[in-house]
Structures are given as structure tokens and as C-alpha cells.
Amino acid sequence: MSVRQIIQARLEADLAPLHLEVANESDQHSVPPDSETHFRVVVVSDAFAGQRKVARHQRVYGVLEAQLKGPVHALALHTFTPDEWQARQQSAPASPDCLGGSKADPGV
């Protein structure tokens, strides 16, 4: 099972999302080909009702604790309630471009 599939399965099991996107964005960063280290997650769930963004992110971090200790280096989170998702017209911000920062780069 790929890291992306594990992330998706764990979030589905814990949050019962109405909408879930798990995108491997590793190819946009200074990592070897076919890496699974950088992810963008958009999750819409009733479980986030009444929670601030920090609490939502902490919940996702808890669900993905093993992946964050291992293969996952970066996780861009976009967490919404169903009403917030509708108000945003079912769209989440795009990830910013990678600015480099590879350990192989001089001065890093």
C-alpha cells in the first residue's frame, strides 16, 4: 500500500469525510523520483464542527502520527466543515511552489 493510500485510509476511518483529496506533491520538491514525502490533504468532515483550525490539524496529525514520524516530510492541510466547504464553492487553496532547500544545495 502506498503512503498516499495509507493516509487516505486512515483519514477515511477516523473522520468519515464527505470529501477527501490526498495528493502526493513530492514531484514538486527536491526529492528523488517516485518519493512519497510531500502531501496536500483537503478534508471536509462534520467531525470538525465547532473546532478551530489548530484543533482540526492536531486531530489529523494524531491520525497520521506514524506517517509523520516516517516517510512524510511535509503535509499541507486544508480542513473544512461541510458548510465552510460550500461557502468556498468546494475549492481549497493550491500549494505554493517549492522554493528549494535541498540538503544538496550549497548553504542549506
PDB file of N, CA and C in Angstrom:
ATOM      1  N   MET A   1       0.855  -1.174   0.000  1.00  0.00           N
ATOM      2  CA  MET A   1       0.000   0.000   0.000  1.00  0.00           C
ATOM      3  C   MET A   1       0.901   1.238   0.000  1.00  0.00           C
ATOM      4  N   SER A   2       0.609   2.200  -0.851  1.00  0.00           N
ATOM      5  CA  SER A   2       1.416   3.418  -0.927  1.00  0.00           C
ATOM      6  C   SER A   2       1.148   4.315   0.286  1.00  0.00           C
ATOM      7  N   VAL A   3       2.043   5.242   0.524  1.00  0.00           N
ATOM      8  CA  VAL A   3       1.867   6.192   1.628  1.00  0.00           C
ATOM      9  C   VAL A   3       0.583   6.991   1.410  1.00  0.00           C
ATOM     10  N   ARG A   4       0.322   7.400   0.176  1.00  0.00           N
ATOM     11  CA  ARG A   4      -0.903   8.148  -0.135  1.00  0.00           C
ATOM     12  C   ARG A   4      -2.133   7.318   0.226  1.00  0.00           C
ATOM     13  N   GLN A   5      -2.133   6.052  -0.104  1.00  0.00           N
ATOM     14  CA  GLN A   5      -3.267   5.178   0.199  1.00  0.00           C
ATOM     15  C   GLN A   5      -3.441   4.989   1.707  1.00  0.00           C
ATOM     16  N   ILE A   6      -2.341   4.891   2.421  1.00  0.00           N
ATOM     17  CA  ILE A   6      -2.412   4.755   3.883  1.00  0.00           C
ATOM     18  C   ILE A   6      -3.015   6.017   4.492  1.00  0.00           C
ATOM     19  N   ILE A   7      -2.537   7.178   4.049  1.00  0.00           N
ATOM     20  CA  ILE A   7      -3.082   8.448   4.548  1.00  0.00           C
ATOM     21  C   ILE A   7      -4.577   8.505   4.285  1.00  0.00           C
ATOM     22  N   GLN A   8      -4.973   8.186   3.080  1.00  0.00           N
ATOM     23  CA  GLN A   8      -6.384   8.236   2.712  1.00  0.00           C
ATOM     24  C   GLN A   8      -7.212   7.276   3.579  1.00  0.00           C
ATOM     25  N   ALA A   9      -6.760   6.055   3.731  1.00  0.00           N
ATOM     26  CA  ALA A   9      -7.498   5.065   4.516  1.00  0.00           C
ATOM     27  C   ALA A   9      -7.632   5.481   5.977  1.00  0.00           C
ATOM     28  N   ARG A  10      -6.572   5.997   6.547  1.00  0.00           N
ATOM     29  CA  ARG A  10      -6.611   6.394   7.963  1.00  0.00           C
ATOM     30  C   ARG A  10      -7.562   7.568   8.175  1.00  0.00           C
ATOM     31  N   LEU A  11      -7.525   8.553   7.271  1.00  0.00           N
ATOM     32  CA  LEU A  11      -8.422   9.704   7.402  1.00  0.00           C
ATOM     33  C   LEU A  11      -9.871   9.307   7.173  1.00  0.00           C
ATOM     34  N   GLU A  12     -10.110   8.423   6.220  1.00  0.00           N
ATOM     35  CA  GLU A  12     -11.478   7.950   5.986  1.00  0.00           C
ATOM     36  C   GLU A  12     -12.018   7.236   7.223  1.00  0.00           C
ATOM     37  N   ALA A  13     -11.200   6.410   7.841  1.00  0.00           N
ATOM     38  CA  ALA A  13     -11.636   5.650   9.011  1.00  0.00           C
ATOM     39  C   ALA A  13     -11.919   6.547  10.210  1.00  0.00           C
ATOM     40  N   ASP A  14     -11.110   7.577  10.415  1.00  0.00           N
ATOM     41  CA  ASP A  14     -11.256   8.419  11.605  1.00  0.00           C
ATOM     42  C   ASP A  14     -12.251   9.553  11.425  1.00  0.00           C
ATOM     43  N   LEU A  15     -12.297  10.161  10.255  1.00  0.00           N
ATOM     44  CA  LEU A  15     -13.080  11.382  10.075  1.00  0.00           C
ATOM     45  C   LEU A  15     -14.368  11.204   9.278  1.00  0.00           C
ATOM     46  N   ALA A  16     -14.567  10.065   8.649  1.00  0.00           N
ATOM     47  CA  ALA A  16     -15.741   9.847   7.800  1.00  0.00           C
ATOM     48  C   ALA A  16     -16.001  11.075   6.921  1.00  0.00           C
ATOM     49  N   PRO A  17     -15.025  11.462   6.115  1.00  0.00           N
ATOM     50  CA  PRO A  17     -15.144  12.708   5.357  1.00  0.00           C
ATOM     51  C   PRO A  17     -16.220  12.661   4.281  1.00  0.00           C
ATOM     52  N   LEU A  18     -16.819  13.815   4.056  1.00  0.00           N
ATOM     53  CA  LEU A  18     -17.748  13.980   2.949  1.00  0.00           C
ATOM     54  C   LEU A  18     -16.971  14.225   1.659  1.00  0.00           C
ATOM     55  N   HIS A  19     -15.768  14.744   1.805  1.00  0.00           N
ATOM     56  CA  HIS A  19     -14.880  14.984   0.666  1.00  0.00           C
ATOM     57  C   HIS A  19     -13.451  14.814   1.173  1.00  0.00           C
ATOM     58  N   LEU A  20     -12.626  14.122   0.386  1.00  0.00           N
ATOM     59  CA  LEU A  20     -11.239  13.908   0.766  1.00  0.00           C
ATOM     60  C   LEU A  20     -10.366  13.887  -0.486  1.00  0.00           C
ATOM     61  N   GLU A  21      -9.328  14.700  -0.468  1.00  0.00           N
ATOM     62  CA  GLU A  21      -8.320  14.690  -1.521  1.00  0.00           C
ATOM     63  C   GLU A  21      -6.970  14.476  -0.843  1.00  0.00           C
ATOM     64  N   VAL A  22      -6.219  13.516  -1.312  1.00  0.00           N
ATOM     65  CA  VAL A  22      -4.862  13.283  -0.824  1.00  0.00           C
ATOM     66  C   VAL A  22      -3.971  13.278  -2.062  1.00  0.00           C
ATOM     67  N   ALA A  23      -3.179  14.327  -2.210  1.00  0.00           N
ATOM     68  CA  ALA A  23      -2.323  14.466  -3.386  1.00  0.00           C
ATOM     69  C   ALA A  23      -0.857  14.373  -2.992  1.00  0.00           C
ATOM     70  N   ASN A  24      -0.137  13.517  -3.677  1.00  0.00           N
ATOM     71  CA  ASN A  24       1.304  13.414  -3.490  1.00  0.00           C
ATOM     72  C   ASN A  24       1.950  14.506  -4.323  1.00  0.00           C
ATOM     73  N   GLU A  25       2.526  15.497  -3.667  1.00  0.00           N
ATOM     74  CA  GLU A  25       3.166  16.625  -4.349  1.00  0.00           C
ATOM     75  C   GLU A  25       4.685  16.543  -4.283  1.00  0.00           C
ATOM     76  N   SER A  26       5.193  15.361  -3.997  1.00  0.00           N
ATOM     77  CA  SER A  26       6.638  15.184  -3.847  1.00  0.00           C
ATOM     78  C   SER A  26       7.402  15.561  -5.110  1.00  0.00           C
ATOM     79  N   ASP A  27       6.794  15.324  -6.270  1.00  0.00           N
ATOM     80  CA  ASP A  27       7.478  15.631  -7.527  1.00  0.00           C
ATOM     81  C   ASP A  27       7.732  17.127  -7.712  1.00  0.00           C
ATOM     82  N   GLN A  28       7.113  17.957  -6.901  1.00  0.00           N
ATOM     83  CA  GLN A  28       7.302  19.409  -6.973  1.00  0.00           C
ATOM     84  C   GLN A  28       8.410  19.890  -6.036  1.00  0.00           C
ATOM     85  N   HIS A  29       9.112  18.954  -5.424  1.00  0.00           N
ATOM     86  CA  HIS A  29      10.128  19.290  -4.434  1.00  0.00           C
ATOM     87  C   HIS A  29      11.453  18.619  -4.761  1.00  0.00           C
ATOM     88  N   SER A  30      12.468  18.991  -4.035  1.00  0.00           N
ATOM     89  CA  SER A  30      13.821  18.473  -4.265  1.00  0.00           C
ATOM     90  C   SER A  30      14.001  17.128  -3.568  1.00  0.00           C
ATOM     91  N   VAL A  31      13.335  16.117  -4.119  1.00  0.00           N
ATOM     92  CA  VAL A  31      13.417  14.766  -3.579  1.00  0.00           C
ATOM     93  C   VAL A  31      13.625  13.801  -4.740  1.00  0.00           C
ATOM     94  N   PRO A  32      14.073  12.586  -4.455  1.00  0.00           N
ATOM     95  CA  PRO A  32      14.267  11.604  -5.527  1.00  0.00           C
ATOM     96  C   PRO A  32      12.948  11.292  -6.251  1.00  0.00           C
ATOM     97  N   PRO A  33      13.037  10.866  -7.499  1.00  0.00           N
ATOM     98  CA  PRO A  33      11.826  10.486  -8.242  1.00  0.00           C
ATOM     99  C   PRO A  33      11.035   9.412  -7.499  1.00  0.00           C
ATOM    100  N   ASP A  34       9.731   9.432  -7.658  1.00  0.00           N
ATOM    101  CA  ASP A  34       8.804   8.470  -7.059  1.00  0.00           C
ATOM    102  C   ASP A  34       8.760   8.524  -5.529  1.00  0.00           C
ATOM    103  N   SER A  35       9.187   9.635  -4.948  1.00  0.00           N
ATOM    104  CA  SER A  35       9.121   9.794  -3.497  1.00  0.00           C
ATOM    105  C   SER A  35       7.676   9.998  -3.047  1.00  0.00           C
ATOM    106  N   GLU A  36       7.415   9.681  -1.804  1.00  0.00           N
ATOM    107  CA  GLU A  36       6.125   9.954  -1.170  1.00  0.00           C
ATOM    108  C   GLU A  36       6.411  10.656   0.152  1.00  0.00           C
ATOM    109  N   THR A  37       6.791  11.922   0.050  1.00  0.00           N
ATOM    110  CA  THR A  37       7.215  12.675   1.230  1.00  0.00           C
ATOM    111  C   THR A  37       6.436  13.962   1.452  1.00  0.00           C
ATOM    112  N   HIS A  38       5.846  14.523   0.414  1.00  0.00           N
ATOM    113  CA  HIS A  38       5.135  15.796   0.496  1.00  0.00           C
ATOM    114  C   HIS A  38       3.690  15.591   0.016  1.00  0.00           C
ATOM    115  N   PHE A  39       2.734  15.915   0.898  1.00  0.00           N
ATOM    116  CA  PHE A  39       1.331  15.687   0.563  1.00  0.00           C
ATOM    117  C   PHE A  39       0.480  16.922   0.816  1.00  0.00           C
ATOM    118  N   ARG A  40      -0.567  17.039   0.025  1.00  0.00           N
ATOM    119  CA  ARG A  40      -1.600  18.054   0.209  1.00  0.00           C
ATOM    120  C   ARG A  40      -2.886  17.297   0.498  1.00  0.00           C
ATOM    121  N   VAL A  41      -3.533  17.655   1.610  1.00  0.00           N
ATOM    122  CA  VAL A  41      -4.757  16.986   2.025  1.00  0.00           C
ATOM    123  C   VAL A  41      -5.870  18.016   2.170  1.00  0.00           C
ATOM    124  N   VAL A  42      -6.977  17.743   1.507  1.00  0.00           N
ATOM    125  CA  VAL A  42      -8.196  18.526   1.673  1.00  0.00           C
ATOM    126  C   VAL A  42      -9.216  17.575   2.263  1.00  0.00           C
ATOM    127  N   VAL A  43      -9.727  17.917   3.435  1.00  0.00           N
ATOM    128  CA  VAL A  43     -10.706  17.035   4.083  1.00  0.00           C
ATOM    129  C   VAL A  43     -11.885  17.861   4.594  1.00  0.00           C
ATOM    130  N   VAL A  44     -13.074  17.391   4.244  1.00  0.00           N
ATOM    131  CA  VAL A  44     -14.323  18.018   4.658  1.00  0.00           C
ATOM    132  C   VAL A  44     -15.055  17.007   5.529  1.00  0.00           C
ATOM    133  N   SER A  45     -15.301  17.397   6.779  1.00  0.00           N
ATOM    134  CA  SER A  45     -15.909  16.447   7.714  1.00  0.00           C
ATOM    135  C   SER A  45     -16.758  17.156   8.762  1.00  0.00           C
ATOM    136  N   ASP A  46     -17.852  16.513   9.112  1.00  0.00           N
ATOM    137  CA  ASP A  46     -18.674  17.000  10.230  1.00  0.00           C
ATOM    138  C   ASP A  46     -17.898  16.942  11.541  1.00  0.00           C
ATOM    139  N   ALA A  47     -16.857  16.111  11.601  1.00  0.00           N
ATOM    140  CA  ALA A  47     -16.052  15.974  12.818  1.00  0.00           C
ATOM    141  C   ALA A  47     -15.359  17.281  13.200  1.00  0.00           C
ATOM    142  N   PHE A  48     -15.242  18.210  12.256  1.00  0.00           N
ATOM    143  CA  PHE A  48     -14.572  19.480  12.529  1.00  0.00           C
ATOM    144  C   PHE A  48     -15.515  20.563  13.070  1.00  0.00           C
ATOM    145  N   ALA A  49     -16.785  20.258  13.176  1.00  0.00           N
ATOM    146  CA  ALA A  49     -17.754  21.252  13.650  1.00  0.00           C
ATOM    147  C   ALA A  49     -17.368  21.757  15.036  1.00  0.00           C
ATOM    148  N   GLY A  50     -17.343  23.064  15.190  1.00  0.00           N
ATOM    149  CA  GLY A  50     -17.029  23.684  16.470  1.00  0.00           C
ATOM    150  C   GLY A  50     -15.552  23.721  16.812  1.00  0.00           C
ATOM    151  N   GLN A  51     -14.693  23.235  15.922  1.00  0.00           N
ATOM    152  CA  GLN A  51     -13.251  23.228  16.190  1.00  0.00           C
ATOM    153  C   GLN A  51     -12.549  24.327  15.406  1.00  0.00           C
ATOM    154  N   ARG A  52     -11.554  24.910  16.049  1.00  0.00           N
ATOM    155  CA  ARG A  52     -10.690  25.869  15.348  1.00  0.00           C
ATOM    156  C   ARG A  52      -9.699  25.098  14.478  1.00  0.00           C
ATOM    157  N   LYS A  53      -9.062  25.829  13.584  1.00  0.00           N
ATOM    158  CA  LYS A  53      -8.130  25.204  12.648  1.00  0.00           C
ATOM    159  C   LYS A  53      -7.037  24.409  13.365  1.00  0.00           C
ATOM    160  N   VAL A  54      -6.505  24.945  14.448  1.00  0.00           N
ATOM    161  CA  VAL A  54      -5.429  24.258  15.169  1.00  0.00           C
ATOM    162  C   VAL A  54      -5.899  22.901  15.681  1.00  0.00           C
ATOM    163  N   ALA A  55      -7.081  22.842  16.257  1.00  0.00           N
ATOM    164  CA  ALA A  55      -7.604  21.573  16.768  1.00  0.00           C
ATOM    165  C   ALA A  55      -7.846  20.574  15.635  1.00  0.00           C
ATOM    166  N   ARG A  56      -8.305  21.063  14.500  1.00  0.00           N
ATOM    167  CA  ARG A  56      -8.525  20.195  13.345  1.00  0.00           C
ATOM    168  C   ARG A  56      -7.205  19.591  12.879  1.00  0.00           C
ATOM    169  N   HIS A  57      -6.203  20.443  12.778  1.00  0.00           N
ATOM    170  CA  HIS A  57      -4.888  19.977  12.337  1.00  0.00           C
ATOM    171  C   HIS A  57      -4.294  18.996  13.345  1.00  0.00           C
ATOM    172  N   GLN A  58      -4.462  19.274  14.622  1.00  0.00           N
ATOM    173  CA  GLN A  58      -3.952  18.359  15.642  1.00  0.00           C
ATOM    174  C   GLN A  58      -4.611  16.992  15.526  1.00  0.00           C
ATOM    175  N   ARG A  59      -5.885  16.981  15.219  1.00  0.00           N
ATOM    176  CA  ARG A  59      -6.572  15.692  15.052  1.00  0.00           C
ATOM    177  C   ARG A  59      -5.983  14.919  13.874  1.00  0.00           C
ATOM    178  N   VAL A  60      -5.776  15.604  12.751  1.00  0.00           N
ATOM    179  CA  VAL A  60      -5.197  14.942  11.581  1.00  0.00           C
ATOM    180  C   VAL A  60      -3.788  14.467  11.887  1.00  0.00           C
ATOM    181  N   TYR A  61      -2.993  15.298  12.571  1.00  0.00           N
ATOM    182  CA  TYR A  61      -1.633  14.886  12.947  1.00  0.00           C
ATOM    183  C   TYR A  61      -1.671  13.631  13.816  1.00  0.00           C
ATOM    184  N   GLY A  62      -2.634  13.557  14.723  1.00  0.00           N
ATOM    185  CA  GLY A  62      -2.754  12.383  15.575  1.00  0.00           C
ATOM    186  C   GLY A  62      -3.086  11.133  14.783  1.00  0.00           C
ATOM    187  N   VAL A  63      -3.983  11.261  13.823  1.00  0.00           N
ATOM    188  CA  VAL A  63      -4.366  10.129  12.986  1.00  0.00           C
ATOM    189  C   VAL A  63      -3.181   9.652  12.143  1.00  0.00           C
ATOM    190  N   LEU A  64      -2.352  10.597  11.709  1.00  0.00           N
ATOM    191  CA  LEU A  64      -1.233  10.282  10.813  1.00  0.00           C
ATOM    192  C   LEU A  64       0.117  10.275  11.535  1.00  0.00           C
ATOM    193  N   GLU A  65       0.093  10.088  12.836  1.00  0.00           N
ATOM    194  CA  GLU A  65       1.317  10.169  13.635  1.00  0.00           C
ATOM    195  C   GLU A  65       2.435   9.274  13.096  1.00  0.00           C
ATOM    196  N   ALA A  66       2.134   8.041  12.770  1.00  0.00           N
ATOM    197  CA  ALA A  66       3.171   7.113  12.292  1.00  0.00           C
ATOM    198  C   ALA A  66       3.761   7.571  10.965  1.00  0.00           C
ATOM    199  N   GLN A  67       2.930   8.087  10.082  1.00  0.00           N
ATOM    200  CA  GLN A  67       3.420   8.542   8.783  1.00  0.00           C
ATOM    201  C   GLN A  67       4.265   9.805   8.931  1.00  0.00           C
ATOM    202  N   LEU A  68       3.892  10.667   9.859  1.00  0.00           N
ATOM    203  CA  LEU A  68       4.645  11.904  10.069  1.00  0.00           C
ATOM    204  C   LEU A  68       5.996  11.639  10.734  1.00  0.00           C
ATOM    205  N   LYS A  69       6.115  10.532  11.449  1.00  0.00           N
ATOM    206  CA  LYS A  69       7.396  10.157  12.049  1.00  0.00           C
ATOM    207  C   LYS A  69       8.295   9.455  11.041  1.00  0.00           C
ATOM    208  N   GLY A  70       7.700   8.964   9.971  1.00  0.00           N
ATOM    209  CA  GLY A  70       8.450   8.182   9.000  1.00  0.00           C
ATOM    210  C   GLY A  70       8.577   8.862   7.662  1.00  0.00           C
ATOM    211  N   PRO A  71       7.834   8.389   6.687  1.00  0.00           N
ATOM    212  CA  PRO A  71       8.069   8.827   5.322  1.00  0.00           C
ATOM    213  C   PRO A  71       7.603  10.249   4.995  1.00  0.00           C
ATOM    214  N   VAL A  72       6.621  10.775   5.727  1.00  0.00           N
ATOM    215  CA  VAL A  72       6.054  12.081   5.353  1.00  0.00           C
ATOM    216  C   VAL A  72       6.880  13.217   5.951  1.00  0.00           C
ATOM    217  N   HIS A  73       7.372  14.074   5.078  1.00  0.00           N
ATOM    218  CA  HIS A  73       8.176  15.219   5.483  1.00  0.00           C
ATOM    219  C   HIS A  73       7.320  16.482   5.604  1.00  0.00           C
ATOM    220  N   ALA A  74       6.345  16.634   4.698  1.00  0.00           N
ATOM    221  CA  ALA A  74       5.522  17.844   4.689  1.00  0.00           C
ATOM    222  C   ALA A  74       4.071  17.477   4.402  1.00  0.00           C
ATOM    223  N   LEU A  75       3.163  18.158   5.112  1.00  0.00           N
ATOM    224  CA  LEU A  75       1.741  17.899   4.969  1.00  0.00           C
ATOM    225  C   LEU A  75       1.007  19.240   4.936  1.00  0.00           C
ATOM    226  N   ALA A  76       0.468  19.588   3.781  1.00  0.00           N
ATOM    227  CA  ALA A  76      -0.333  20.804   3.642  1.00  0.00           C
ATOM    228  C   ALA A  76      -1.783  20.420   3.919  1.00  0.00           C
ATOM    229  N   LEU A  77      -2.368  20.988   4.967  1.00  0.00           N
ATOM    230  CA  LEU A  77      -3.719  20.626   5.382  1.00  0.00           C
ATOM    231  C   LEU A  77      -4.717  21.730   5.092  1.00  0.00           C
ATOM    232  N   HIS A  78      -5.842  21.316   4.557  1.00  0.00           N
ATOM    233  CA  HIS A  78      -6.978  22.212   4.338  1.00  0.00           C
ATOM    234  C   HIS A  78      -8.187  21.477   4.902  1.00  0.00           C
ATOM    235  N   THR A  79      -8.677  21.927   6.053  1.00  0.00           N
ATOM    236  CA  THR A  79      -9.731  21.234   6.790  1.00  0.00           C
ATOM    237  C   THR A  79     -10.974  22.112   6.868  1.00  0.00           C
ATOM    238  N   PHE A  80     -12.117  21.533   6.502  1.00  0.00           N
ATOM    239  CA  PHE A  80     -13.357  22.305   6.440  1.00  0.00           C
ATOM    240  C   PHE A  80     -14.531  21.503   6.971  1.00  0.00           C
ATOM    241  N   THR A  81     -15.516  22.218   7.507  1.00  0.00           N
ATOM    242  CA  THR A  81     -16.817  21.615   7.766  1.00  0.00           C
ATOM    243  C   THR A  81     -17.574  21.634   6.436  1.00  0.00           C
ATOM    244  N   PRO A  82     -18.656  20.880   6.324  1.00  0.00           N
ATOM    245  CA  PRO A  82     -19.436  20.922   5.080  1.00  0.00           C
ATOM    246  C   PRO A  82     -19.927  22.329   4.725  1.00  0.00           C
ATOM    247  N   ASP A  83     -20.362  23.101   5.715  1.00  0.00           N
ATOM    248  CA  ASP A  83     -20.827  24.470   5.441  1.00  0.00           C
ATOM    249  C   ASP A  83     -19.693  25.360   4.942  1.00  0.00           C
ATOM    250  N   GLU A  84     -18.515  25.232   5.541  1.00  0.00           N
ATOM    251  CA  GLU A  84     -17.357  26.013   5.090  1.00  0.00           C
ATOM    252  C   GLU A  84     -16.976  25.631   3.664  1.00  0.00           C
ATOM    253  N   TRP A  85     -17.031  24.353   3.363  1.00  0.00           N
ATOM    254  CA  TRP A  85     -16.691  23.858   2.027  1.00  0.00           C
ATOM    255  C   TRP A  85     -17.658  24.427   0.989  1.00  0.00           C
ATOM    256  N   GLN A  86     -18.941  24.435   1.322  1.00  0.00           N
ATOM    257  CA  GLN A  86     -19.938  25.016   0.419  1.00  0.00           C
ATOM    258  C   GLN A  86     -19.697  26.509   0.223  1.00  0.00           C
ATOM    259  N   ALA A  87     -19.389  27.214   1.306  1.00  0.00           N
ATOM    260  CA  ALA A  87     -19.140  28.659   1.228  1.00  0.00           C
ATOM    261  C   ALA A  87     -17.915  28.970   0.359  1.00  0.00           C
ATOM    262  N   ARG A  88     -16.973  28.046   0.316  1.00  0.00           N
ATOM    263  CA  ARG A  88     -15.757  28.211  -0.504  1.00  0.00           C
ATOM    264  C   ARG A  88     -15.986  27.727  -1.930  1.00  0.00           C
ATOM    265  N   GLN A  89     -17.215  27.362  -2.223  1.00  0.00           N
ATOM    266  CA  GLN A  89     -17.572  26.824  -3.538  1.00  0.00           C
ATOM    267  C   GLN A  89     -16.767  25.567  -3.856  1.00  0.00           C
ATOM    268  N   GLN A  90     -16.572  24.765  -2.845  1.00  0.00           N
ATOM    269  CA  GLN A  90     -15.897  23.472  -2.938  1.00  0.00           C
ATOM    270  C   GLN A  90     -14.504  23.578  -3.560  1.00  0.00           C
ATOM    271  N   SER A  91     -13.739  24.538  -3.059  1.00  0.00           N
ATOM    272  CA  SER A  91     -12.361  24.673  -3.540  1.00  0.00           C
ATOM    273  C   SER A  91     -11.431  25.002  -2.372  1.00  0.00           C
ATOM    274  N   ALA A  92     -10.210  24.521  -2.493  1.00  0.00           N
ATOM    275  CA  ALA A  92      -9.182  24.778  -1.483  1.00  0.00           C
ATOM    276  C   ALA A  92      -8.007  25.463  -2.161  1.00  0.00           C
ATOM    277  N   PRO A  93      -7.214  26.202  -1.398  1.00  0.00           N
ATOM    278  CA  PRO A  93      -6.055  26.879  -1.992  1.00  0.00           C
ATOM    279  C   PRO A  93      -5.065  25.882  -2.591  1.00  0.00           C
ATOM    280  N   ALA A  94      -4.417  26.302  -3.642  1.00  0.00           N
ATOM    281  CA  ALA A  94      -3.358  25.487  -4.242  1.00  0.00           C
ATOM    282  C   ALA A  94      -2.107  25.592  -3.375  1.00  0.00           C
ATOM    283  N   SER A  95      -1.258  24.603  -3.473  1.00  0.00           N
ATOM    284  CA  SER A  95       0.012  24.642  -2.742  1.00  0.00           C
ATOM    285  C   SER A  95       0.963  25.616  -3.416  1.00  0.00           C
ATOM    286  N   PRO A  96       1.778  26.307  -2.624  1.00  0.00           N
ATOM    287  CA  PRO A  96       2.753  27.225  -3.219  1.00  0.00           C
ATOM    288  C   PRO A  96       3.859  26.445  -3.920  1.00  0.00           C
ATOM    289  N   ASP A  97       4.551  27.113  -4.817  1.00  0.00           N
ATOM    290  CA  ASP A  97       5.689  26.495  -5.484  1.00  0.00           C
ATOM    291  C   ASP A  97       6.800  26.235  -4.484  1.00  0.00           C
ATOM    292  N   CYS A  98       7.533  25.175  -4.701  1.00  0.00           N
ATOM    293  CA  CYS A  98       8.682  24.849  -3.866  1.00  0.00           C
ATOM    294  C   CYS A  98       9.782  25.867  -4.116  1.00  0.00           C
ATOM    295  N   LEU A  99      10.404  26.325  -3.049  1.00  0.00           N
ATOM    296  CA  LEU A  99      11.485  27.307  -3.174  1.00  0.00           C
ATOM    297  C   LEU A  99      12.848  26.664  -3.012  1.00  0.00           C
ATOM    298  N   GLY A 100      12.899  25.346  -3.091  1.00  0.00           N
ATOM    299  CA  GLY A 100      14.178  24.654  -2.975  1.00  0.00           C
ATOM    300  C   GLY A 100      14.431  24.262  -1.540  1.00  0.00           C
ATOM    301  N   GLY A 101      15.682  24.325  -1.147  1.00  0.00           N
ATOM    302  CA  GLY A 101      16.041  23.974   0.212  1.00  0.00           C
ATOM    303  C   GLY A 101      16.543  22.557   0.362  1.00  0.00           C
ATOM    304  N   SER A 102      16.985  21.974  -0.719  1.00  0.00           N
ATOM    305  CA  SER A 102      17.550  20.630  -0.646  1.00  0.00           C
ATOM    306  C   SER A 102      18.842  20.639   0.135  1.00  0.00           C
ATOM    307  N   LYS A 103      19.073  19.569   0.883  1.00  0.00           N
ATOM    308  CA  LYS A 103      20.322  19.458   1.635  1.00  0.00           C
ATOM    309  C   LYS A 103      21.528  19.435   0.686  1.00  0.00           C
ATOM    310  N   ALA A 104      21.295  19.110  -0.574  1.00  0.00           N
ATOM    311  CA  ALA A 104      22.371  19.082  -1.554  1.00  0.00           C
ATOM    312  C   ALA A 104      22.735  20.482  -2.045  1.00  0.00           C
ATOM    313  N   ASP A 105      21.850  21.460  -1.796  1.00  0.00           N
ATOM    314  CA  ASP A 105      22.117  22.830  -2.223  1.00  0.00           C
ATOM    315  C   ASP A 105      23.154  23.470  -1.316  1.00  0.00           C
ATOM    316  N   PRO A 106      24.115  24.222  -1.888  1.00  0.00           N
ATOM    317  CA  PRO A 106      25.102  24.903  -1.057  1.00  0.00           C
ATOM    318  C   PRO A 106      24.419  25.919  -0.122  1.00  0.00           C
ATOM    319  N   GLY A 107      24.892  25.988   1.092  1.00  0.00           N
ATOM    320  CA  GLY A 107      24.378  26.985   2.034  1.00  0.00           C
ATOM    321  C   GLY A 107      23.120  26.572   2.767  1.00  0.00           C
ATOM    322  N   VAL A 108      22.640  25.355   2.565  1.00  0.00           N
ATOM    323  CA  VAL A 108      21.419  24.915   3.262  1.00  0.00           C
ATOM    324  C   VAL A 108      21.788  24.044   4.426  1.00  0.00           C
TER     325      VAL A 108
END
